[in-house]
């Protein structure tokens, strides 16, 4: 029996911070037919809020160190301001959305990242996603909107990478759906030359990924993003795309597609 199609899309800071870009994306996302899920970050918003409150933000290799103070700001910003702005924007466009953290209905269970070389603080690594609860929302015609917050089951909320949340949700839902995972950001895709915005690498498989990584064409924040992509593909997610926001309404535009 053929599985129904499901879109899992993830948006990041540059779209969230630009109200015009966010409004445009939410309008286009609302028009996507069939079941869909949206995952969002909000790191830039959290950093701006921390600055306003006089709380220091510490980053190591592009990853946020989440102190107790910073966790409060992350929860306030991600689960509150950003999530509800997105939900209300979707309701405006007749998309019946529900804003969620991983703790809601116990959907995403995580554990605090163990200290190895770096203490990341209150950062969560995902253990389990409850696909049955998400399926229940989808059956009701509700579009779940996940922020980058999970929990450990013992009352502790945790800051968790939004790319990873999107990947893990896509994997969990692939048991019942043919899942397309879309990472949406400000560039047209993965670039051969960071200074040439049109130098999109249109197809990357594992072999090519290894070569691009060795040449340091793919580096920094793009490395964990692509690792999430390949993890999803290896666990039965059907398609993974990296593109700018216009891909949501026009799949023919130049972008990066990942395969094994």
C-alpha atoms as a PDB file:
ATOM      1  CA  UNK A   1       0.000   0.000   0.000  1.00  0.00           C
ATOM      2  CA  UNK A   2       1.360   3.400  -0.981  1.00  0.00           C
ATOM      3  CA  UNK A   3       2.136   5.696   1.928  1.00  0.00           C
ATOM      4  CA  UNK A   4       0.619   9.200   2.032  1.00  0.00           C
ATOM      5  CA  UNK A   5       3.041  12.077   1.496  1.00  0.00           C
ATOM      6  CA  UNK A   6       4.220  14.319   4.341  1.00  0.00           C
ATOM      7  CA  UNK A   7       6.334  17.478   4.272  1.00  0.00           C
ATOM      8  CA  UNK A   8       8.620  18.267   7.200  1.00  0.00           C
ATOM      9  CA  UNK A   9      10.111  21.756   6.797  1.00  0.00           C
ATOM     10  CA  UNK A  10      12.633  23.553   8.986  1.00  0.00           C
ATOM     11  CA  UNK A  11      13.227  27.311   8.976  1.00  0.00           C
ATOM     12  CA  UNK A  12      16.027  29.216  10.668  1.00  0.00           C
ATOM     13  CA  UNK A  13      17.024  32.587  12.012  1.00  0.00           C
ATOM     14  CA  UNK A  14      17.400  34.693   8.887  1.00  0.00           C
ATOM     15  CA  UNK A  15      13.808  34.003   7.836  1.00  0.00           C
ATOM     16  CA  UNK A  16      12.468  34.334  11.365  1.00  0.00           C
ATOM     17  CA  UNK A  17      14.230  37.672  11.918  1.00  0.00           C
ATOM     18  CA  UNK A  18      12.894  39.222   8.702  1.00  0.00           C
ATOM     19  CA  UNK A  19       9.151  39.790   9.170  1.00  0.00           C
ATOM     20  CA  UNK A  20       8.505  40.234   5.464  1.00  0.00           C
ATOM     21  CA  UNK A  21      10.377  37.011   4.600  1.00  0.00           C
ATOM     22  CA  UNK A  22       8.600  35.143   7.400  1.00  0.00           C
ATOM     23  CA  UNK A  23       5.160  36.356   6.302  1.00  0.00           C
ATOM     24  CA  UNK A  24       5.898  35.303   2.725  1.00  0.00           C
ATOM     25  CA  UNK A  25       7.113  31.845   3.767  1.00  0.00           C
ATOM     26  CA  UNK A  26       4.137  31.219   6.054  1.00  0.00           C
ATOM     27  CA  UNK A  27       1.730  32.228   3.307  1.00  0.00           C
ATOM     28  CA  UNK A  28       3.378  29.775   0.890  1.00  0.00           C
ATOM     29  CA  UNK A  29       3.673  27.027   3.530  1.00  0.00           C
ATOM     30  CA  UNK A  30      -0.045  27.351   4.286  1.00  0.00           C
ATOM     31  CA  UNK A  31      -0.834  26.583   0.649  1.00  0.00           C
ATOM     32  CA  UNK A  32       1.054  23.265   0.668  1.00  0.00           C
ATOM     33  CA  UNK A  33      -1.573  20.562   0.258  1.00  0.00           C
ATOM     34  CA  UNK A  34      -1.682  17.526   2.490  1.00  0.00           C
ATOM     35  CA  UNK A  35      -0.217  16.934   5.950  1.00  0.00           C
ATOM     36  CA  UNK A  36       2.792  19.022   6.938  1.00  0.00           C
ATOM     37  CA  UNK A  37       4.973  19.806   9.935  1.00  0.00           C
ATOM     38  CA  UNK A  38       7.107  22.886  10.582  1.00  0.00           C
ATOM     39  CA  UNK A  39      10.179  23.018  12.816  1.00  0.00           C
ATOM     40  CA  UNK A  40      11.849  26.319  13.649  1.00  0.00           C
ATOM     41  CA  UNK A  41      14.969  27.577  15.343  1.00  0.00           C
ATOM     42  CA  UNK A  42      15.388  31.060  16.722  1.00  0.00           C
ATOM     43  CA  UNK A  43      18.991  31.371  17.838  1.00  0.00           C
ATOM     44  CA  UNK A  44      19.375  34.914  16.557  1.00  0.00           C
ATOM     45  CA  UNK A  45      16.208  35.978  18.375  1.00  0.00           C
ATOM     46  CA  UNK A  46      17.505  34.371  21.581  1.00  0.00           C
ATOM     47  CA  UNK A  47      20.842  36.165  21.231  1.00  0.00           C
ATOM     48  CA  UNK A  48      19.088  39.516  20.714  1.00  0.00           C
ATOM     49  CA  UNK A  49      16.920  38.901  23.776  1.00  0.00           C
ATOM     50  CA  UNK A  50      19.956  37.909  25.844  1.00  0.00           C
ATOM     51  CA  UNK A  51      21.700  41.132  24.827  1.00  0.00           C
ATOM     52  CA  UNK A  52      18.650  43.160  25.881  1.00  0.00           C
ATOM     53  CA  UNK A  53      18.650  41.429  29.261  1.00  0.00           C
ATOM     54  CA  UNK A  54      22.408  41.759  29.715  1.00  0.00           C
ATOM     55  CA  UNK A  55      23.034  38.011  29.634  1.00  0.00           C
ATOM     56  CA  UNK A  56      26.210  36.831  27.922  1.00  0.00           C
ATOM     57  CA  UNK A  57      25.833  34.450  24.973  1.00  0.00           C
ATOM     58  CA  UNK A  58      28.679  31.971  24.538  1.00  0.00           C
ATOM     59  CA  UNK A  59      29.164  30.048  21.285  1.00  0.00           C
ATOM     60  CA  UNK A  60      31.756  27.359  20.495  1.00  0.00           C
ATOM     61  CA  UNK A  61      32.101  26.270  16.853  1.00  0.00           C
ATOM     62  CA  UNK A  62      28.715  27.778  16.094  1.00  0.00           C
ATOM     63  CA  UNK A  63      26.974  25.889  18.913  1.00  0.00           C
ATOM     64  CA  UNK A  64      25.282  27.685  21.799  1.00  0.00           C
ATOM     65  CA  UNK A  65      26.469  27.011  25.351  1.00  0.00           C
ATOM     66  CA  UNK A  66      23.189  26.893  27.267  1.00  0.00           C
ATOM     67  CA  UNK A  67      23.621  28.039  30.848  1.00  0.00           C
ATOM     68  CA  UNK A  68      20.642  28.081  33.212  1.00  0.00           C
ATOM     69  CA  UNK A  69      20.120  31.786  32.435  1.00  0.00           C
ATOM     70  CA  UNK A  70      20.411  31.199  28.714  1.00  0.00           C
ATOM     71  CA  UNK A  71      17.993  28.264  28.919  1.00  0.00           C
ATOM     72  CA  UNK A  72      15.355  30.580  30.390  1.00  0.00           C
ATOM     73  CA  UNK A  73      15.869  32.961  27.466  1.00  0.00           C
ATOM     74  CA  UNK A  74      15.809  30.109  24.921  1.00  0.00           C
ATOM     75  CA  UNK A  75      12.501  28.780  26.291  1.00  0.00           C
ATOM     76  CA  UNK A  76      10.984  32.256  26.516  1.00  0.00           C
ATOM     77  CA  UNK A  77      12.058  33.105  22.965  1.00  0.00           C
ATOM     78  CA  UNK A  78      11.649  29.815  21.105  1.00  0.00           C
ATOM     79  CA  UNK A  79       8.519  28.435  22.771  1.00  0.00           C
ATOM     80  CA  UNK A  80       6.959  31.842  23.369  1.00  0.00           C
ATOM     81  CA  UNK A  81       7.713  34.771  21.084  1.00  0.00           C
ATOM     82  CA  UNK A  82       8.910  32.946  17.949  1.00  0.00           C
ATOM     83  CA  UNK A  83       6.596  29.932  18.121  1.00  0.00           C
ATOM     84  CA  UNK A  84       3.427  31.912  18.738  1.00  0.00           C
ATOM     85  CA  UNK A  85       4.345  34.494  16.092  1.00  0.00           C
ATOM     86  CA  UNK A  86       4.607  31.637  13.577  1.00  0.00           C
ATOM     87  CA  UNK A  87       1.404  29.963  14.761  1.00  0.00           C
ATOM     88  CA  UNK A  88      -0.595  33.185  14.552  1.00  0.00           C
ATOM     89  CA  UNK A  89       0.874  33.886  11.103  1.00  0.00           C
ATOM     90  CA  UNK A  90      -0.306  30.483   9.891  1.00  0.00           C
ATOM     91  CA  UNK A  91      -3.760  30.956  11.405  1.00  0.00           C
ATOM     92  CA  UNK A  92      -3.959  34.233   9.477  1.00  0.00           C
ATOM     93  CA  UNK A  93      -3.450  32.155   6.324  1.00  0.00           C
ATOM     94  CA  UNK A  94      -6.123  29.561   7.240  1.00  0.00           C
ATOM     95  CA  UNK A  95      -3.609  26.904   8.306  1.00  0.00           C
ATOM     96  CA  UNK A  96      -4.767  25.419  11.606  1.00  0.00           C
ATOM     97  CA  UNK A  97      -1.455  25.285  13.466  1.00  0.00           C
ATOM     98  CA  UNK A  98      -0.523  24.158  16.959  1.00  0.00           C
ATOM     99  CA  UNK A  99       2.688  25.338  18.640  1.00  0.00           C
ATOM    100  CA  UNK A 100       4.613  22.641  20.513  1.00  0.00           C
ATOM    101  CA  UNK A 101       7.750  21.894  22.488  1.00  0.00           C
ATOM    102  CA  UNK A 102       9.039  18.354  22.860  1.00  0.00           C
ATOM    103  CA  UNK A 103       7.541  18.201  26.354  1.00  0.00           C
ATOM    104  CA  UNK A 104       3.980  18.760  25.110  1.00  0.00           C
ATOM    105  CA  UNK A 105       2.166  15.397  25.062  1.00  0.00           C
ATOM    106  CA  UNK A 106       5.620  13.897  25.775  1.00  0.00           C
ATOM    107  CA  UNK A 107       6.368  13.982  22.034  1.00  0.00           C
ATOM    108  CA  UNK A 108      10.169  14.390  22.058  1.00  0.00           C
ATOM    109  CA  UNK A 109      12.207  12.840  24.858  1.00  0.00           C
ATOM    110  CA  UNK A 110      15.858  13.828  25.178  1.00  0.00           C
ATOM    111  CA  UNK A 111      18.774  13.540  27.576  1.00  0.00           C
ATOM    112  CA  UNK A 112      21.161  16.252  28.712  1.00  0.00           C
ATOM    113  CA  UNK A 113      24.305  16.044  26.593  1.00  0.00           C
ATOM    114  CA  UNK A 114      27.099  14.432  28.614  1.00  0.00           C
ATOM    115  CA  UNK A 115      30.214  16.486  29.260  1.00  0.00           C
ATOM    116  CA  UNK A 116      33.141  15.344  27.149  1.00  0.00           C
ATOM    117  CA  UNK A 117      35.562  17.973  25.898  1.00  0.00           C
ATOM    118  CA  UNK A 118      32.981  20.774  26.156  1.00  0.00           C
ATOM    119  CA  UNK A 119      30.169  21.362  28.644  1.00  0.00           C
ATOM    120  CA  UNK A 120      27.274  22.546  26.476  1.00  0.00           C
ATOM    121  CA  UNK A 121      25.052  23.065  29.511  1.00  0.00           C
ATOM    122  CA  UNK A 122      21.332  22.416  29.163  1.00  0.00           C
ATOM    123  CA  UNK A 123      21.471  20.979  25.656  1.00  0.00           C
ATOM    124  CA  UNK A 124      19.437  17.901  24.778  1.00  0.00           C
ATOM    125  CA  UNK A 125      20.234  14.905  22.575  1.00  0.00           C
ATOM    126  CA  UNK A 126      17.066  13.249  21.295  1.00  0.00           C
ATOM    127  CA  UNK A 127      16.169   9.754  22.483  1.00  0.00           C
ATOM    128  CA  UNK A 128      12.646   9.240  21.147  1.00  0.00           C
ATOM    129  CA  UNK A 129       9.913  10.882  19.051  1.00  0.00           C
ATOM    130  CA  UNK A 130       6.301   9.774  19.581  1.00  0.00           C
ATOM    131  CA  UNK A 131       5.001   9.557  16.018  1.00  0.00           C
ATOM    132  CA  UNK A 132       1.561   8.352  17.164  1.00  0.00           C
ATOM    133  CA  UNK A 133       0.752  11.654  18.882  1.00  0.00           C
ATOM    134  CA  UNK A 134       1.927  13.633  15.840  1.00  0.00           C
ATOM    135  CA  UNK A 135      -0.203  11.404  13.570  1.00  0.00           C
ATOM    136  CA  UNK A 136      -3.174  12.169  15.796  1.00  0.00           C
ATOM    137  CA  UNK A 137      -2.745  15.904  15.236  1.00  0.00           C
ATOM    138  CA  UNK A 138      -2.354  15.409  11.489  1.00  0.00           C
ATOM    139  CA  UNK A 139      -5.545  13.303  11.330  1.00  0.00           C
ATOM    140  CA  UNK A 140      -7.401  16.199  12.952  1.00  0.00           C
ATOM    141  CA  UNK A 141      -6.139  18.534  10.229  1.00  0.00           C
ATOM    142  CA  UNK A 142      -3.775  20.280  12.645  1.00  0.00           C
ATOM    143  CA  UNK A 143      -0.282  21.346  11.525  1.00  0.00           C
ATOM    144  CA  UNK A 144       2.248  20.873  14.360  1.00  0.00           C
ATOM    145  CA  UNK A 145       4.815  23.675  14.776  1.00  0.00           C
ATOM    146  CA  UNK A 146       7.812  22.523  16.815  1.00  0.00           C
ATOM    147  CA  UNK A 147      10.298  24.862  18.452  1.00  0.00           C
ATOM    148  CA  UNK A 148      13.820  23.767  19.406  1.00  0.00           C
ATOM    149  CA  UNK A 149      12.989  22.719  22.987  1.00  0.00           C
ATOM    150  CA  UNK A 150      12.749  19.132  24.298  1.00  0.00           C
ATOM    151  CA  UNK A 151      12.630  17.579  27.781  1.00  0.00           C
ATOM    152  CA  UNK A 152      14.128  14.723  29.776  1.00  0.00           C
ATOM    153  CA  UNK A 153      10.950  13.373  31.394  1.00  0.00           C
ATOM    154  CA  UNK A 154      12.101  14.564  34.829  1.00  0.00           C
ATOM    155  CA  UNK A 155      10.958  18.162  34.563  1.00  0.00           C
ATOM    156  CA  UNK A 156      14.029  19.522  32.807  1.00  0.00           C
ATOM    157  CA  UNK A 157      13.556  21.394  29.527  1.00  0.00           C
ATOM    158  CA  UNK A 158      16.489  21.292  27.115  1.00  0.00           C
ATOM    159  CA  UNK A 159      17.731  23.404  24.214  1.00  0.00           C
ATOM    160  CA  UNK A 160      17.977  21.103  21.177  1.00  0.00           C
ATOM    161  CA  UNK A 161      19.263  21.714  17.654  1.00  0.00           C
ATOM    162  CA  UNK A 162      16.318  22.450  15.349  1.00  0.00           C
ATOM    163  CA  UNK A 163      17.946  20.709  12.364  1.00  0.00           C
ATOM    164  CA  UNK A 164      18.210  17.559  14.474  1.00  0.00           C
ATOM    165  CA  UNK A 165      14.605  17.837  15.647  1.00  0.00           C
ATOM    166  CA  UNK A 166      13.447  18.116  12.029  1.00  0.00           C
ATOM    167  CA  UNK A 167      15.524  15.085  11.036  1.00  0.00           C
ATOM    168  CA  UNK A 168      14.332  12.946  13.958  1.00  0.00           C
ATOM    169  CA  UNK A 169      10.675  13.867  13.383  1.00  0.00           C
ATOM    170  CA  UNK A 170      11.054  13.040   9.687  1.00  0.00           C
ATOM    171  CA  UNK A 171      12.575   9.655  10.566  1.00  0.00           C
ATOM    172  CA  UNK A 172       9.824   8.833  13.082  1.00  0.00           C
ATOM    173  CA  UNK A 173       7.064   9.782  10.636  1.00  0.00           C
ATOM    174  CA  UNK A 174       8.607   7.756   7.801  1.00  0.00           C
ATOM    175  CA  UNK A 175       7.048   4.635   9.328  1.00  0.00           C
ATOM    176  CA  UNK A 176       3.644   5.849   8.149  1.00  0.00           C
ATOM    177  CA  UNK A 177       4.402   8.471   5.482  1.00  0.00           C
ATOM    178  CA  UNK A 178       6.545   9.095   2.437  1.00  0.00           C
ATOM    179  CA  UNK A 179       8.471  11.983   3.971  1.00  0.00           C
ATOM    180  CA  UNK A 180      10.167  14.886   2.227  1.00  0.00           C
ATOM    181  CA  UNK A 181      12.468  16.870   4.523  1.00  0.00           C
ATOM    182  CA  UNK A 182      13.139  20.486   3.541  1.00  0.00           C
ATOM    183  CA  UNK A 183      15.804  22.623   5.205  1.00  0.00           C
ATOM    184  CA  UNK A 184      14.963  26.195   4.320  1.00  0.00           C
ATOM    185  CA  UNK A 185      17.523  28.967   4.747  1.00  0.00           C
ATOM    186  CA  UNK A 186      18.652  32.210   3.113  1.00  0.00           C
ATOM    187  CA  UNK A 187      20.915  30.667   0.435  1.00  0.00           C
ATOM    188  CA  UNK A 188      19.828  28.792  -2.698  1.00  0.00           C
ATOM    189  CA  UNK A 189      21.440  25.562  -1.465  1.00  0.00           C
ATOM    190  CA  UNK A 190      24.875  24.234  -0.552  1.00  0.00           C
ATOM    191  CA  UNK A 191      27.420  26.433  -2.354  1.00  0.00           C
ATOM    192  CA  UNK A 192      30.631  25.450  -4.128  1.00  0.00           C
ATOM    193  CA  UNK A 193      31.949  28.962  -3.436  1.00  0.00           C
ATOM    194  CA  UNK A 194      30.550  30.862  -0.479  1.00  0.00           C
ATOM    195  CA  UNK A 195      31.247  34.159  -2.284  1.00  0.00           C
ATOM    196  CA  UNK A 196      29.197  33.102  -5.325  1.00  0.00           C
ATOM    197  CA  UNK A 197      25.553  32.816  -4.298  1.00  0.00           C
ATOM    198  CA  UNK A 198      24.691  31.046  -7.574  1.00  0.00           C
ATOM    199  CA  UNK A 199      27.320  28.282  -7.224  1.00  0.00           C
ATOM    200  CA  UNK A 200      24.755  25.777  -5.960  1.00  0.00           C
ATOM    201  CA  UNK A 201      25.821  22.141  -5.763  1.00  0.00           C
ATOM    202  CA  UNK A 202      22.623  20.576  -7.065  1.00  0.00           C
ATOM    203  CA  UNK A 203      23.242  16.992  -5.975  1.00  0.00           C
ATOM    204  CA  UNK A 204      25.278  15.587  -3.091  1.00  0.00           C
ATOM    205  CA  UNK A 205      25.569  11.906  -2.248  1.00  0.00           C
ATOM    206  CA  UNK A 206      27.636  10.396   0.570  1.00  0.00           C
ATOM    207  CA  UNK A 207      30.728  10.020  -1.610  1.00  0.00           C
ATOM    208  CA  UNK A 208      30.578  13.611  -2.818  1.00  0.00           C
ATOM    209  CA  UNK A 209      29.865  14.823   0.710  1.00  0.00           C
ATOM    210  CA  UNK A 210      33.062  13.141   1.922  1.00  0.00           C
ATOM    211  CA  UNK A 211      35.116  14.801  -0.828  1.00  0.00           C
ATOM    212  CA  UNK A 212      33.587  18.247  -0.236  1.00  0.00           C
ATOM    213  CA  UNK A 213      34.241  17.910   3.487  1.00  0.00           C
ATOM    214  CA  UNK A 214      37.867  16.911   2.920  1.00  0.00           C
ATOM    215  CA  UNK A 215      38.342  19.969   0.678  1.00  0.00           C
ATOM    216  CA  UNK A 216      36.633  22.100   3.376  1.00  0.00           C
ATOM    217  CA  UNK A 217      34.089  23.317   0.819  1.00  0.00           C
ATOM    218  CA  UNK A 218      31.564  22.072   3.351  1.00  0.00           C
ATOM    219  CA  UNK A 219      32.569  23.272   6.806  1.00  0.00           C
ATOM    220  CA  UNK A 220      31.397  24.893  10.036  1.00  0.00           C
ATOM    221  CA  UNK A 221      27.623  24.992  10.522  1.00  0.00           C
ATOM    222  CA  UNK A 222      26.890  23.202   7.250  1.00  0.00           C
ATOM    223  CA  UNK A 223      28.595  20.014   8.500  1.00  0.00           C
ATOM    224  CA  UNK A 224      26.048  19.081  11.196  1.00  0.00           C
ATOM    225  CA  UNK A 225      23.202  20.138   8.881  1.00  0.00           C
ATOM    226  CA  UNK A 226      24.330  17.708   6.188  1.00  0.00           C
ATOM    227  CA  UNK A 227      24.989  15.004   8.750  1.00  0.00           C
ATOM    228  CA  UNK A 228      21.347  15.330   9.824  1.00  0.00           C
ATOM    229  CA  UNK A 229      20.338  15.058   6.162  1.00  0.00           C
ATOM    230  CA  UNK A 230      22.216  11.808   5.604  1.00  0.00           C
ATOM    231  CA  UNK A 231      21.089  10.360   8.935  1.00  0.00           C
ATOM    232  CA  UNK A 232      17.491  10.932   7.814  1.00  0.00           C
ATOM    233  CA  UNK A 233      18.076   9.327   4.408  1.00  0.00           C
ATOM    234  CA  UNK A 234      19.743   6.301   5.994  1.00  0.00           C
ATOM    235  CA  UNK A 235      16.641   5.855   8.196  1.00  0.00           C
ATOM    236  CA  UNK A 236      14.086   5.778   5.357  1.00  0.00           C
ATOM    237  CA  UNK A 237      13.237   9.455   4.833  1.00  0.00           C
ATOM    238  CA  UNK A 238      12.331   9.650   1.151  1.00  0.00           C
ATOM    239  CA  UNK A 239      13.850  12.976   0.034  1.00  0.00           C
ATOM    240  CA  UNK A 240      15.966  15.718   1.583  1.00  0.00           C
ATOM    241  CA  UNK A 241      16.272  19.207   0.062  1.00  0.00           C
ATOM    242  CA  UNK A 242      18.302  22.262   1.092  1.00  0.00           C
ATOM    243  CA  UNK A 243      17.027  25.451  -0.529  1.00  0.00           C
ATOM    244  CA  UNK A 244      15.805  28.960   0.033  1.00  0.00           C
ATOM    245  CA  UNK A 245      12.239  29.813   0.964  1.00  0.00           C
ATOM    246  CA  UNK A 246      10.993  29.959  -2.638  1.00  0.00           C
ATOM    247  CA  UNK A 247      11.352  26.164  -2.915  1.00  0.00           C
ATOM    248  CA  UNK A 248       8.213  25.743  -0.819  1.00  0.00           C
ATOM    249  CA  UNK A 249       6.127  27.055  -3.738  1.00  0.00           C
ATOM    250  CA  UNK A 250       8.359  26.190  -6.714  1.00  0.00           C
ATOM    251  CA  UNK A 251      10.182  22.853  -6.640  1.00  0.00           C
ATOM    252  CA  UNK A 252      11.806  23.569 -10.011  1.00  0.00           C
ATOM    253  CA  UNK A 253      14.168  26.256  -8.721  1.00  0.00           C
ATOM    254  CA  UNK A 254      17.867  25.469  -8.360  1.00  0.00           C
ATOM    255  CA  UNK A 255      18.606  23.880  -4.979  1.00  0.00           C
ATOM    256  CA  UNK A 256      20.555  21.035  -3.366  1.00  0.00           C
ATOM    257  CA  UNK A 257      19.073  17.559  -3.173  1.00  0.00           C
ATOM    258  CA  UNK A 258      20.709  14.888  -1.028  1.00  0.00           C
ATOM    259  CA  UNK A 259      20.869  11.143  -1.710  1.00  0.00           C
ATOM    260  CA  UNK A 260      22.804   8.143  -0.425  1.00  0.00           C
END
